[in-house]
C-alpha atoms as a PDB file:
ATOM      1  CA  MET A   1     -28.978   1.229  -0.135  1.00  0.00           C
ATOM      2  CA  ALA A   2     -26.352  -1.091   1.270  1.00  0.00           C
ATOM      3  CA  LYS A   3     -22.785   0.172   1.329  1.00  0.00           C
ATOM      4  CA  GLY A   4     -21.315  -3.332   0.877  1.00  0.00           C
ATOM      5  CA  LYS A   5     -22.509  -3.591  -2.737  1.00  0.00           C
ATOM      6  CA  ASP A   6     -20.598  -0.544  -4.047  1.00  0.00           C
ATOM      7  CA  VAL A   7     -18.574  -1.167  -7.187  1.00  0.00           C
ATOM      8  CA  ARG A   8     -15.797   1.299  -6.290  1.00  0.00           C
ATOM      9  CA  VAL A   9     -13.988   0.598  -3.017  1.00  0.00           C
ATOM     10  CA  GLN A  10     -11.227   2.428  -1.154  1.00  0.00           C
ATOM     11  CA  VAL A  11      -7.909   0.580  -0.925  1.00  0.00           C
ATOM     12  CA  ILE A  12      -4.657   1.296   0.913  1.00  0.00           C
ATOM     13  CA  LEU A  13      -1.372   0.883  -0.970  1.00  0.00           C
ATOM     14  CA  GLU A  14       1.769   0.229   1.088  1.00  0.00           C
ATOM     15  CA  CYS A  15       5.413   0.339  -0.027  1.00  0.00           C
ATOM     16  CA  THR A  16       6.729  -3.212  -0.330  1.00  0.00           C
ATOM     17  CA  SER A  17      10.415  -2.349   0.104  1.00  0.00           C
ATOM     18  CA  CYS A  18       9.805  -0.328   3.312  1.00  0.00           C
ATOM     19  CA  VAL A  19       7.888  -3.258   4.808  1.00  0.00           C
ATOM     20  CA  ARG A  20      10.783  -5.625   4.070  1.00  0.00           C
ATOM     21  CA  ASN A  21      13.345  -3.170   5.487  1.00  0.00           C
ATOM     22  CA  ASP A  22      11.226  -2.538   8.600  1.00  0.00           C
ATOM     23  CA  ILE A  23      11.130  -6.261   9.391  1.00  0.00           C
ATOM     24  CA  ASN A  24      14.924  -6.582   8.997  1.00  0.00           C
ATOM     25  CA  ASN A  25      15.786  -3.533  11.185  1.00  0.00           C
ATOM     26  CA  ASP A  26      17.635  -4.131  14.444  1.00  0.00           C
ATOM     27  CA  ILE A  27      16.130  -2.961  17.733  1.00  0.00           C
ATOM     28  CA  ASN A  28      18.721  -0.150  18.048  1.00  0.00           C
ATOM     29  CA  LYS A  29      17.927   1.381  14.633  1.00  0.00           C
ATOM     30  CA  GLU A  30      15.077   3.862  14.278  1.00  0.00           C
ATOM     31  CA  SER A  31      12.248   2.876  11.964  1.00  0.00           C
ATOM     32  CA  THR A  32      11.974   5.332   9.095  1.00  0.00           C
ATOM     33  CA  GLY A  33       8.292   4.576   8.522  1.00  0.00           C
ATOM     34  CA  ILE A  34       6.172   3.050   5.814  1.00  0.00           C
ATOM     35  CA  SER A  35       4.826   4.964   2.816  1.00  0.00           C
ATOM     36  CA  ARG A  36       1.073   4.558   2.282  1.00  0.00           C
ATOM     37  CA  TYR A  37      -1.368   5.867  -0.325  1.00  0.00           C
ATOM     38  CA  ILE A  38      -5.181   5.728  -0.349  1.00  0.00           C
ATOM     39  CA  THR A  39      -6.929   5.260  -3.695  1.00  0.00           C
ATOM     40  CA  GLN A  40     -10.023   3.664  -5.220  1.00  0.00           C
ATOM     41  CA  LYS A  41     -10.458   0.672  -7.478  1.00  0.00           C
ATOM     42  CA  ASN A  42     -13.332  -0.862  -9.409  1.00  0.00           C
ATOM     43  CA  ARG A  43     -14.163  -4.194  -7.785  1.00  0.00           C
ATOM     44  CA  HIS A  44     -15.518  -5.725 -11.015  1.00  0.00           C
ATOM     45  CA  ASN A  45     -12.612  -4.740 -13.308  1.00  0.00           C
ATOM     46  CA  THR A  46      -9.833  -5.471 -10.782  1.00  0.00           C
ATOM     47  CA  PRO A  47     -10.818  -8.358  -8.477  1.00  0.00           C
ATOM     48  CA  SER A  48      -7.193  -9.177  -7.587  1.00  0.00           C
ATOM     49  CA  ARG A  49      -4.897  -7.089  -5.394  1.00  0.00           C
ATOM     50  CA  LEU A  50      -3.721  -3.824  -6.906  1.00  0.00           C
ATOM     51  CA  GLU A  51      -0.001  -3.014  -7.356  1.00  0.00           C
ATOM     52  CA  LEU A  52       1.217   0.373  -8.603  1.00  0.00           C
ATOM     53  CA  ARG A  53       4.572   2.110  -8.899  1.00  0.00           C
ATOM     54  CA  LYS A  54       4.423   5.151  -6.640  1.00  0.00           C
ATOM     55  CA  PHE A  55       7.008   7.478  -5.091  1.00  0.00           C
ATOM     56  CA  CYS A  56       8.067   6.455  -1.582  1.00  0.00           C
ATOM     57  CA  THR A  57       9.004   9.429   0.597  1.00  0.00           C
ATOM     58  CA  TYR A  58      11.086   7.193   2.902  1.00  0.00           C
ATOM     59  CA  CYS A  59      13.085   5.368   0.186  1.00  0.00           C
ATOM     60  CA  TYR A  60      13.300   8.530  -2.001  1.00  0.00           C
ATOM     61  CA  LYS A  61      12.570   6.527  -5.164  1.00  0.00           C
ATOM     62  CA  HIS A  62       9.712   4.945  -7.104  1.00  0.00           C
ATOM     63  CA  THR A  63       8.827   1.533  -5.678  1.00  0.00           C
ATOM     64  CA  ILE A  64       5.990  -0.968  -5.981  1.00  0.00           C
ATOM     65  CA  HIS A  65       3.122  -0.261  -3.613  1.00  0.00           C
ATOM     66  CA  GLY A  66       0.796  -3.205  -2.995  1.00  0.00           C
ATOM     67  CA  GLU A  67      -2.752  -3.308  -1.681  1.00  0.00           C
ATOM     68  CA  ILE A  68      -3.147  -4.231   1.998  1.00  0.00           C
ATOM     69  CA  LYS A  69      -6.139  -5.197   4.119  1.00  0.00           C
ATOM     70  CA  LYS A  70      -7.919  -2.487   6.073  1.00  0.00           C
END
């Protein structure tokens, strides 16, 4: 069986506010990191990119985590 035809796929969710803050950091400041979660989604029910509210350990609050490419 081909693995490319699976209905459920693994996706990586990344904190959107950490990504924005990381881009705006100066060279002298230390990067705090980017919060990431790994989850699964059904390809047929959710063809668009997934966005969930998850807890970010770097921001210390609930933020929107969006799906990124592997």
